[in-house]
Each structure stands twice: as C-alpha cells, then as structure tokens.
C-alpha cells in the first residue's frame, strides 16, 4: 500500500495533473452526470499513475479482470510490482466534511454493490477477496471547493485502527444492495497509517471552468484534450 501511496504523492506534485483534477471537478459542478463521475475519476487517476509506472493495470479493461481472478473482482487497479489491487472510491458531494473541515461522521461510501446479485452473501464475498480489500479514496466537498482528500487504507486496517471486532461492523447494513461504511473511519485509518494528504486546489480556476462548462457543454475527456492540445483556450 505504501507503494501506491507514494505514487499518488508523485501524481499530485505535478501541477499539470492537479489542473486536470480542477478541470474534472469543474465539470462535475457544471453538471456532469453523477453516474459518470466515478468513471472519470477512475480513468483520470489510473492514467496519471500509469505515466509514472506503465506496469499498472486498469482492472476493468478488456481481459484484465478475468486474467487476475476473482480475488480482484472488486478492484479497479492492479499493481504488478506489489502484486495487489485496489478499489478506487470517489466521493464528490456536499456534506463530505463537517463544519470543522473534517470528514463527516454521517457521510457513507459504497464499498460493495449487491444490486445485480441479490443472492451474494457477505461472508462469501469476503472469502472471495481473502477477507480484505485495499481502498484508494478521493474525496471533495462541493461546499468547501478547494481541497481534495487522498487516502489509502484497507478493510483490515480500518477494523484495527477504528476499534472494530469484526469486518462486518464497519458497514451499516451488509444485506443492502449497496453496502456502505463511514468515510470518516476510512480517513481515520489512513491517517494512522500515514497514508493521507490534502491537495490544495484553485477555487478561482474551478469556478471559472464551471462557467465554461455551462456556456460550452463538452464531454470531460474532450475538454481535457482541448485544454492540453489546442492553441485556442476555452473561453
């Protein structure tokens, strides 16, 4: 996990990469379909990580997930050098943070999706992933608007660091279609393990790009392409 965390720190040390996140968040605030948010976040972070380590694999890419086996069924990214996968969770919403600017205890994030398989039993799922899962969490509170939280931890670490006796206790309802846990627990665990940092964003740039998104609707990937490759600037 430390390998992944160190790669993430390298990603966000690059101002061009940070600008891409500002552009993505502007698209989200400018009306990007909520269902697309997770896909774009996943695509962007994996693309940026692959610039540093080309061996990193996108698990949902054709054939990759199948070749890795059921243990990585819930993973979005696989790091061959460390021989482990991670689930990327993006939390771009209001009320992610409380009034003190800390993770809200009431904000939950989806870890497992059982909506397509009603018969999936929690214990079976946990056995499938060897009773643990690494999570790469990227969070942004729309009301604060200038900070990105990046955290890396695992279910077993969260159990240990937050005082739970069993993995089941992390989740609000293990029988629900969407099995969720507290973002605050995840970040608390990541902090204890030294795998948490905040990225300072330009609120002014984001707000400016939000207006561009509203005036000139354009798919995020197209906007990203034009911003890097065209001489003419987005108005």
C-alpha atoms as a PDB file:
ATOM      1  CA  UNK A   1       0.000   0.000   0.000  1.00  0.00           C
ATOM      2  CA  UNK A   2       2.883   2.349   0.687  1.00  0.00           C
ATOM      3  CA  UNK A   3       3.984   1.928  -2.939  1.00  0.00           C
ATOM      4  CA  UNK A   4       0.578   3.072  -4.189  1.00  0.00           C
ATOM      5  CA  UNK A   5       0.500   5.965  -1.736  1.00  0.00           C
ATOM      6  CA  UNK A   6       3.959   7.182  -2.797  1.00  0.00           C
ATOM      7  CA  UNK A   7       2.908   7.039  -6.452  1.00  0.00           C
ATOM      8  CA  UNK A   8      -0.158   9.138  -5.620  1.00  0.00           C
ATOM      9  CA  UNK A   9       2.027  11.750  -3.932  1.00  0.00           C
ATOM     10  CA  UNK A  10       4.101  11.927  -7.113  1.00  0.00           C
ATOM     11  CA  UNK A  11       0.942  12.370  -9.191  1.00  0.00           C
ATOM     12  CA  UNK A  12      -0.224  15.371  -7.207  1.00  0.00           C
ATOM     13  CA  UNK A  13       3.209  17.005  -7.102  1.00  0.00           C
ATOM     14  CA  UNK A  14       2.735  17.659 -10.842  1.00  0.00           C
ATOM     15  CA  UNK A  15       0.845  20.919 -11.438  1.00  0.00           C
ATOM     16  CA  UNK A  16      -0.480  19.642 -14.788  1.00  0.00           C
ATOM     17  CA  UNK A  17      -2.096  16.717 -13.021  1.00  0.00           C
ATOM     18  CA  UNK A  18      -3.617  18.986 -10.391  1.00  0.00           C
ATOM     19  CA  UNK A  19      -5.058  21.154 -13.171  1.00  0.00           C
ATOM     20  CA  UNK A  20      -6.731  18.066 -14.658  1.00  0.00           C
ATOM     21  CA  UNK A  21      -8.446  17.449 -11.315  1.00  0.00           C
ATOM     22  CA  UNK A  22      -9.582  21.068 -11.180  1.00  0.00           C
ATOM     23  CA  UNK A  23     -11.000  20.626 -14.671  1.00  0.00           C
ATOM     24  CA  UNK A  24     -12.753  17.389 -13.723  1.00  0.00           C
ATOM     25  CA  UNK A  25     -14.288  18.936 -10.610  1.00  0.00           C
ATOM     26  CA  UNK A  26     -15.437  21.928 -12.643  1.00  0.00           C
ATOM     27  CA  UNK A  27     -17.217  19.526 -14.992  1.00  0.00           C
ATOM     28  CA  UNK A  28     -18.847  17.814 -12.011  1.00  0.00           C
ATOM     29  CA  UNK A  29     -20.008  21.120 -10.561  1.00  0.00           C
ATOM     30  CA  UNK A  30     -21.035  22.267 -14.030  1.00  0.00           C
ATOM     31  CA  UNK A  31     -23.491  19.423 -14.423  1.00  0.00           C
ATOM     32  CA  UNK A  32     -21.590  16.235 -15.274  1.00  0.00           C
ATOM     33  CA  UNK A  33     -23.907  13.247 -14.887  1.00  0.00           C
ATOM     34  CA  UNK A  34     -23.403  11.723 -11.438  1.00  0.00           C
ATOM     35  CA  UNK A  35     -23.162   8.219 -12.890  1.00  0.00           C
ATOM     36  CA  UNK A  36     -20.204   9.348 -14.985  1.00  0.00           C
ATOM     37  CA  UNK A  37     -18.272  10.915 -12.113  1.00  0.00           C
ATOM     38  CA  UNK A  38     -16.852   7.660 -10.791  1.00  0.00           C
ATOM     39  CA  UNK A  39     -15.805   6.513 -14.262  1.00  0.00           C
ATOM     40  CA  UNK A  40     -13.976   9.763 -14.994  1.00  0.00           C
ATOM     41  CA  UNK A  41     -12.250   9.813 -11.596  1.00  0.00           C
ATOM     42  CA  UNK A  42     -11.155   6.200 -12.081  1.00  0.00           C
ATOM     43  CA  UNK A  43      -9.914   6.885 -15.611  1.00  0.00           C
ATOM     44  CA  UNK A  44      -8.041  10.050 -14.614  1.00  0.00           C
ATOM     45  CA  UNK A  45      -6.205   8.663 -11.582  1.00  0.00           C
ATOM     46  CA  UNK A  46      -5.206   5.452 -13.369  1.00  0.00           C
ATOM     47  CA  UNK A  47      -3.985   7.384 -16.423  1.00  0.00           C
ATOM     48  CA  UNK A  48      -1.900   9.659 -14.203  1.00  0.00           C
ATOM     49  CA  UNK A  49      -0.454   6.722 -12.246  1.00  0.00           C
ATOM     50  CA  UNK A  50       0.426   4.912 -15.482  1.00  0.00           C
ATOM     51  CA  UNK A  51       2.517   7.917 -16.557  1.00  0.00           C
ATOM     52  CA  UNK A  52       4.795   7.102 -13.613  1.00  0.00           C
ATOM     53  CA  UNK A  53       4.536   3.296 -13.687  1.00  0.00           C
ATOM     54  CA  UNK A  54       3.422   1.833 -17.015  1.00  0.00           C
ATOM     55  CA  UNK A  55       3.052  -1.651 -15.497  1.00  0.00           C
ATOM     56  CA  UNK A  56      -0.066  -0.576 -13.559  1.00  0.00           C
ATOM     57  CA  UNK A  57      -3.202  -2.204 -14.979  1.00  0.00           C
ATOM     58  CA  UNK A  58      -6.783  -0.987 -15.221  1.00  0.00           C
ATOM     59  CA  UNK A  59      -8.810  -3.939 -13.935  1.00  0.00           C
ATOM     60  CA  UNK A  60     -11.986  -3.124 -15.865  1.00  0.00           C
ATOM     61  CA  UNK A  61     -10.065  -3.014 -19.149  1.00  0.00           C
ATOM     62  CA  UNK A  62     -10.774  -5.853 -21.571  1.00  0.00           C
ATOM     63  CA  UNK A  63      -9.461  -9.140 -20.294  1.00  0.00           C
ATOM     64  CA  UNK A  64      -7.518  -7.773 -17.329  1.00  0.00           C
ATOM     65  CA  UNK A  65     -10.077  -8.504 -14.594  1.00  0.00           C
ATOM     66  CA  UNK A  66     -10.666 -12.035 -15.902  1.00  0.00           C
ATOM     67  CA  UNK A  67      -6.953 -12.842 -16.036  1.00  0.00           C
ATOM     68  CA  UNK A  68      -6.383 -11.613 -12.473  1.00  0.00           C
ATOM     69  CA  UNK A  69      -9.044 -13.894 -10.960  1.00  0.00           C
ATOM     70  CA  UNK A  70     -11.936 -13.476  -8.540  1.00  0.00           C
ATOM     71  CA  UNK A  71      -9.780 -12.015  -5.748  1.00  0.00           C
ATOM     72  CA  UNK A  72      -9.560  -8.787  -7.757  1.00  0.00           C
ATOM     73  CA  UNK A  73     -13.183  -8.738  -8.923  1.00  0.00           C
ATOM     74  CA  UNK A  74     -13.873  -5.626  -6.846  1.00  0.00           C
ATOM     75  CA  UNK A  75     -10.580  -3.917  -7.732  1.00  0.00           C
ATOM     76  CA  UNK A  76     -10.240  -1.060 -10.216  1.00  0.00           C
ATOM     77  CA  UNK A  77      -6.456  -1.017 -10.360  1.00  0.00           C
ATOM     78  CA  UNK A  78      -3.728  -3.670 -10.133  1.00  0.00           C
ATOM     79  CA  UNK A  79      -0.067  -3.054  -9.267  1.00  0.00           C
ATOM     80  CA  UNK A  80       2.031  -5.991 -10.567  1.00  0.00           C
ATOM     81  CA  UNK A  81       5.177  -4.887  -8.693  1.00  0.00           C
ATOM     82  CA  UNK A  82       3.407  -5.198  -5.356  1.00  0.00           C
ATOM     83  CA  UNK A  83       1.036  -7.919  -6.567  1.00  0.00           C
ATOM     84  CA  UNK A  84      -2.099  -6.295  -5.179  1.00  0.00           C
ATOM     85  CA  UNK A  85      -5.211  -4.494  -6.368  1.00  0.00           C
ATOM     86  CA  UNK A  86      -7.180  -1.549  -5.023  1.00  0.00           C
ATOM     87  CA  UNK A  87     -10.747  -0.315  -5.232  1.00  0.00           C
ATOM     88  CA  UNK A  88     -10.998   3.370  -6.218  1.00  0.00           C
ATOM     89  CA  UNK A  89     -13.750   5.233  -4.365  1.00  0.00           C
ATOM     90  CA  UNK A  90     -14.618   8.804  -5.350  1.00  0.00           C
ATOM     91  CA  UNK A  91     -16.718  10.976  -3.073  1.00  0.00           C
ATOM     92  CA  UNK A  92     -17.663  14.241  -4.772  1.00  0.00           C
ATOM     93  CA  UNK A  93     -20.636  15.654  -2.938  1.00  0.00           C
ATOM     94  CA  UNK A  94     -21.930  18.071  -0.348  1.00  0.00           C
ATOM     95  CA  UNK A  95     -21.639  17.226   3.353  1.00  0.00           C
ATOM     96  CA  UNK A  96     -18.455  15.198   2.867  1.00  0.00           C
ATOM     97  CA  UNK A  97     -16.888  17.418   5.539  1.00  0.00           C
ATOM     98  CA  UNK A  98     -18.328  18.806   8.761  1.00  0.00           C
ATOM     99  CA  UNK A  99     -18.191  22.452   9.889  1.00  0.00           C
ATOM    100  CA  UNK A 100     -14.656  21.948  11.197  1.00  0.00           C
ATOM    101  CA  UNK A 101     -13.476  20.758   7.788  1.00  0.00           C
ATOM    102  CA  UNK A 102     -13.039  17.173   8.970  1.00  0.00           C
ATOM    103  CA  UNK A 103     -14.722  14.064   7.474  1.00  0.00           C
ATOM    104  CA  UNK A 104     -18.383  13.988   8.427  1.00  0.00           C
ATOM    105  CA  UNK A 105     -19.443  11.023  10.573  1.00  0.00           C
ATOM    106  CA  UNK A 106     -22.724  10.901   8.670  1.00  0.00           C
ATOM    107  CA  UNK A 107     -21.223  10.589   5.173  1.00  0.00           C
ATOM    108  CA  UNK A 108     -21.133   6.963   3.961  1.00  0.00           C
ATOM    109  CA  UNK A 109     -19.383   5.500   0.929  1.00  0.00           C
ATOM    110  CA  UNK A 110     -20.381   2.428  -1.073  1.00  0.00           C
ATOM    111  CA  UNK A 111     -17.874  -0.420  -0.890  1.00  0.00           C
ATOM    112  CA  UNK A 112     -19.863  -3.329  -2.363  1.00  0.00           C
ATOM    113  CA  UNK A 113     -22.692  -3.337  -4.899  1.00  0.00           C
ATOM    114  CA  UNK A 114     -25.066  -6.283  -4.491  1.00  0.00           C
ATOM    115  CA  UNK A 115     -27.845  -4.815  -6.625  1.00  0.00           C
ATOM    116  CA  UNK A 116     -27.027  -7.079  -9.571  1.00  0.00           C
ATOM    117  CA  UNK A 117     -26.657 -10.197  -7.485  1.00  0.00           C
ATOM    118  CA  UNK A 118     -29.279 -10.435  -4.743  1.00  0.00           C
ATOM    119  CA  UNK A 119     -28.008 -13.855  -3.691  1.00  0.00           C
ATOM    120  CA  UNK A 120     -24.498 -12.670  -2.909  1.00  0.00           C
ATOM    121  CA  UNK A 121     -23.815 -13.396   0.760  1.00  0.00           C
ATOM    122  CA  UNK A 122     -21.452 -11.042   2.582  1.00  0.00           C
ATOM    123  CA  UNK A 123     -19.301 -13.838   4.035  1.00  0.00           C
ATOM    124  CA  UNK A 124     -18.908 -15.395   0.579  1.00  0.00           C
ATOM    125  CA  UNK A 125     -17.846 -12.068  -0.871  1.00  0.00           C
ATOM    126  CA  UNK A 126     -15.262 -11.580   1.873  1.00  0.00           C
ATOM    127  CA  UNK A 127     -13.841 -15.068   1.276  1.00  0.00           C
ATOM    128  CA  UNK A 128     -13.618 -14.219  -2.407  1.00  0.00           C
ATOM    129  CA  UNK A 129     -11.320 -11.265  -1.671  1.00  0.00           C
ATOM    130  CA  UNK A 130      -9.358 -13.021   1.118  1.00  0.00           C
ATOM    131  CA  UNK A 131     -11.226 -11.061   3.801  1.00  0.00           C
ATOM    132  CA  UNK A 132      -9.616  -7.754   2.913  1.00  0.00           C
ATOM    133  CA  UNK A 133      -9.613  -5.009   0.315  1.00  0.00           C
ATOM    134  CA  UNK A 134      -7.339  -2.043  -0.317  1.00  0.00           C
ATOM    135  CA  UNK A 135      -9.194   1.210  -0.902  1.00  0.00           C
ATOM    136  CA  UNK A 136      -7.918   4.325  -2.668  1.00  0.00           C
ATOM    137  CA  UNK A 137     -10.284   7.116  -1.664  1.00  0.00           C
ATOM    138  CA  UNK A 138     -10.523  10.528  -3.336  1.00  0.00           C
ATOM    139  CA  UNK A 139     -12.918  12.996  -1.678  1.00  0.00           C
ATOM    140  CA  UNK A 140     -14.084  16.525  -2.460  1.00  0.00           C
ATOM    141  CA  UNK A 141     -16.664  18.598  -0.608  1.00  0.00           C
ATOM    142  CA  UNK A 142     -18.569  20.819  -3.038  1.00  0.00           C
ATOM    143  CA  UNK A 143     -19.188  23.453  -0.367  1.00  0.00           C
ATOM    144  CA  UNK A 144     -15.516  23.808   0.601  1.00  0.00           C
ATOM    145  CA  UNK A 145     -14.448  23.699  -3.042  1.00  0.00           C
ATOM    146  CA  UNK A 146     -10.651  23.916  -2.787  1.00  0.00           C
ATOM    147  CA  UNK A 147      -9.417  20.705  -1.164  1.00  0.00           C
ATOM    148  CA  UNK A 148      -9.041  17.162  -2.443  1.00  0.00           C
ATOM    149  CA  UNK A 149      -8.509  14.441   0.177  1.00  0.00           C
ATOM    150  CA  UNK A 150      -6.461  11.420  -0.895  1.00  0.00           C
ATOM    151  CA  UNK A 151      -6.317   8.333   1.334  1.00  0.00           C
ATOM    152  CA  UNK A 152      -5.134   4.727   1.070  1.00  0.00           C
ATOM    153  CA  UNK A 153      -6.007   2.024   3.593  1.00  0.00           C
ATOM    154  CA  UNK A 154      -7.700  -1.385   3.771  1.00  0.00           C
ATOM    155  CA  UNK A 155     -10.684  -3.026   5.438  1.00  0.00           C
ATOM    156  CA  UNK A 156      -8.457  -4.894   7.880  1.00  0.00           C
ATOM    157  CA  UNK A 157      -6.599  -1.715   8.779  1.00  0.00           C
ATOM    158  CA  UNK A 158      -9.887   0.129   9.348  1.00  0.00           C
ATOM    159  CA  UNK A 159     -11.063  -2.672  11.640  1.00  0.00           C
ATOM    160  CA  UNK A 160      -7.831  -2.427  13.639  1.00  0.00           C
ATOM    161  CA  UNK A 161      -7.490   1.362  13.716  1.00  0.00           C
ATOM    162  CA  UNK A 162     -11.133   2.158  14.478  1.00  0.00           C
ATOM    163  CA  UNK A 163     -11.645  -0.463  17.190  1.00  0.00           C
ATOM    164  CA  UNK A 164     -13.992  -2.899  15.453  1.00  0.00           C
ATOM    165  CA  UNK A 165     -14.021  -6.576  16.393  1.00  0.00           C
ATOM    166  CA  UNK A 166     -15.208  -7.885  13.024  1.00  0.00           C
ATOM    167  CA  UNK A 167     -15.150  -6.644   9.428  1.00  0.00           C
ATOM    168  CA  UNK A 168     -18.969  -6.742   9.408  1.00  0.00           C
ATOM    169  CA  UNK A 169     -19.072  -3.962  11.995  1.00  0.00           C
ATOM    170  CA  UNK A 170     -17.552  -1.500   9.503  1.00  0.00           C
ATOM    171  CA  UNK A 171     -20.738  -1.480   7.436  1.00  0.00           C
ATOM    172  CA  UNK A 172     -24.197  -0.078   8.093  1.00  0.00           C
ATOM    173  CA  UNK A 173     -26.106  -2.997   6.506  1.00  0.00           C
ATOM    174  CA  UNK A 174     -24.341  -5.979   4.944  1.00  0.00           C
ATOM    175  CA  UNK A 175     -27.610  -7.201   3.393  1.00  0.00           C
ATOM    176  CA  UNK A 176     -28.334  -3.971   1.496  1.00  0.00           C
ATOM    177  CA  UNK A 177     -27.985  -3.575  -2.269  1.00  0.00           C
ATOM    178  CA  UNK A 178     -25.262  -1.011  -1.600  1.00  0.00           C
ATOM    179  CA  UNK A 179     -23.052  -1.972   1.343  1.00  0.00           C
ATOM    180  CA  UNK A 180     -21.672   1.243   2.843  1.00  0.00           C
ATOM    181  CA  UNK A 181     -19.229   2.376   5.505  1.00  0.00           C
ATOM    182  CA  UNK A 182     -18.263   5.707   7.078  1.00  0.00           C
ATOM    183  CA  UNK A 183     -15.788   7.835   5.125  1.00  0.00           C
ATOM    184  CA  UNK A 184     -14.583   9.186   8.484  1.00  0.00           C
ATOM    185  CA  UNK A 185     -13.468   5.665   9.525  1.00  0.00           C
ATOM    186  CA  UNK A 186     -11.563   5.222   6.282  1.00  0.00           C
ATOM    187  CA  UNK A 187      -9.736   8.532   6.608  1.00  0.00           C
ATOM    188  CA  UNK A 188      -9.031   7.998  10.316  1.00  0.00           C
ATOM    189  CA  UNK A 189      -7.380   4.690   9.467  1.00  0.00           C
ATOM    190  CA  UNK A 190      -5.382   6.161   6.562  1.00  0.00           C
ATOM    191  CA  UNK A 191      -4.101   8.953   8.813  1.00  0.00           C
ATOM    192  CA  UNK A 192      -2.945   6.449  11.447  1.00  0.00           C
ATOM    193  CA  UNK A 193      -1.068   4.530   8.758  1.00  0.00           C
ATOM    194  CA  UNK A 194       0.484   7.721   7.340  1.00  0.00           C
ATOM    195  CA  UNK A 195      -1.328   7.421   4.010  1.00  0.00           C
ATOM    196  CA  UNK A 196      -3.412  10.580   3.844  1.00  0.00           C
ATOM    197  CA  UNK A 197      -2.817  14.013   2.342  1.00  0.00           C
ATOM    198  CA  UNK A 198      -4.749  17.046   1.154  1.00  0.00           C
ATOM    199  CA  UNK A 199      -4.331  18.654  -2.263  1.00  0.00           C
ATOM    200  CA  UNK A 200      -4.857  22.420  -2.361  1.00  0.00           C
ATOM    201  CA  UNK A 201      -6.839  23.393  -5.449  1.00  0.00           C
ATOM    202  CA  UNK A 202      -7.522  26.760  -7.059  1.00  0.00           C
ATOM    203  CA  UNK A 203     -11.129  27.607  -6.252  1.00  0.00           C
ATOM    204  CA  UNK A 204     -10.939  30.506  -8.723  1.00  0.00           C
ATOM    205  CA  UNK A 205      -9.872  28.219 -11.594  1.00  0.00           C
ATOM    206  CA  UNK A 206     -12.600  25.738 -10.758  1.00  0.00           C
ATOM    207  CA  UNK A 207     -15.286  28.424 -10.613  1.00  0.00           C
ATOM    208  CA  UNK A 208     -14.089  29.880 -13.925  1.00  0.00           C
ATOM    209  CA  UNK A 209     -14.178  26.477 -15.603  1.00  0.00           C
ATOM    210  CA  UNK A 210     -17.635  25.781 -14.149  1.00  0.00           C
ATOM    211  CA  UNK A 211     -18.927  28.760 -16.112  1.00  0.00           C
ATOM    212  CA  UNK A 212     -17.169  27.465 -19.245  1.00  0.00           C
ATOM    213  CA  UNK A 213     -18.837  24.086 -18.767  1.00  0.00           C
ATOM    214  CA  UNK A 214     -22.247  25.710 -18.512  1.00  0.00           C
ATOM    215  CA  UNK A 215     -21.732  28.012 -21.519  1.00  0.00           C
ATOM    216  CA  UNK A 216     -19.974  25.475 -23.744  1.00  0.00           C
ATOM    217  CA  UNK A 217     -21.133  21.951 -22.831  1.00  0.00           C
ATOM    218  CA  UNK A 218     -18.472  19.422 -23.765  1.00  0.00           C
ATOM    219  CA  UNK A 219     -17.650  15.892 -22.590  1.00  0.00           C
ATOM    220  CA  UNK A 220     -14.941  15.951 -19.938  1.00  0.00           C
ATOM    221  CA  UNK A 221     -12.392  13.979 -21.969  1.00  0.00           C
ATOM    222  CA  UNK A 222     -12.851  16.319 -24.929  1.00  0.00           C
ATOM    223  CA  UNK A 223     -12.423  19.342 -22.672  1.00  0.00           C
ATOM    224  CA  UNK A 224      -9.274  17.811 -21.207  1.00  0.00           C
ATOM    225  CA  UNK A 225      -7.908  17.136 -24.699  1.00  0.00           C
ATOM    226  CA  UNK A 226      -8.559  20.663 -25.918  1.00  0.00           C
ATOM    227  CA  UNK A 227      -7.117  22.243 -22.796  1.00  0.00           C
ATOM    228  CA  UNK A 228      -3.794  20.439 -23.353  1.00  0.00           C
ATOM    229  CA  UNK A 229      -3.519  20.193 -27.127  1.00  0.00           C
ATOM    230  CA  UNK A 230      -5.259  23.164 -28.758  1.00  0.00           C
ATOM    231  CA  UNK A 231      -3.697  26.604 -29.100  1.00  0.00           C
ATOM    232  CA  UNK A 232      -7.029  28.323 -28.616  1.00  0.00           C
ATOM    233  CA  UNK A 233      -8.081  28.492 -24.976  1.00  0.00           C
ATOM    234  CA  UNK A 234     -11.535  27.630 -23.768  1.00  0.00           C
ATOM    235  CA  UNK A 235     -13.352  30.927 -23.475  1.00  0.00           C
END
